[in-house]
Amino acid sequence: MPTAIATTTLDPALGWLLGLGSGLLFAASAHHKLRDLPRFTATLRAYALLPNALVPPVALGLVGLEVGLALSLPLGPVLPGLARVTGLAAAGLLVVYAVAIAVNLLRGRRGIDCGCLGAAARSTPLSGGLVLRNFALACLLATTAMPRDTRSLELVDALTIGGGLVALTLVYLAIDQLVALPARRVDRLPSALARPEVARP
C-alpha cells in the first residue's frame, strides 16, 4: 500500500504572528528610507555594486518593494497563495541585503552605513552581525510560505499573537543594539587613542 507523506503545516496563530511582525518590520524599514531618500540613495551608491545610473531607480524600487511587502505580508493568513509569494520575496530580499553587506565586508569596507533600519535611526556601519541577522530573518520569513493548518483560531490565539509581537519587537531591538556594539567600540577607539595621558604624581 502507498504510504501517505506527511505535510508540515504552519499553525495559523504563528502565521498571523509572522505576517503581522514582518509587515511591521518592512513598514518601519520603508519609512526609514523614505524619510531621507537622498541619504538612502547615497548609501546604496556607496555599496559600489551597481552602475551609477542605476542607483536612483533601484533605490526607489527597493523602497517600493518594501512598501508592497509591508502591505501584503499581513494578508498572508487569509490569502495562502499570496503568502507563498510574499514570504519567499521577503526572504529573498533579506538574502540580497545580506550578500551585499558580505561583499563589502570582504572588500574591507566596514565604514559605510548599512542603510537598514536601526535603533534611533542612527548610522550603522557594516558588520558580520548584520549578515547573520538578515539570514536569520530570511529563514524565519521563508516559513510563511509553508501550507497553513486549517484549525480555527481561538481567543487564546489572539493573546499569543499580541504577546508574540511584543516579544519579537523586544528581541529585534536587543539584537539591533548588540549588532551596533562593535561599531560603537571602533568609533570610540580614535578618540581614546588621541586622549592625552594624565601624568601620575
Foldseek 3Di string as FASTA:
>chain_A
DDDDDDADADELLVLLLLLQLLLVQLVLFLCLCVVPVVVLLVLQVVLVPDPNVCSSVVSVVVSVLSNVLSVQSNCCSVPLVSQLVSLLVQLVVLQVLLVSLVVVVVVVQFAGFSSGDAVVSDGATRDNLSSVVSNVSSVSSNSSNGHHDPDDDDPVSVVVSVVSSVVVVVVVNVSRVVSRVVVVVVVCVVVVVVDDDDDDD
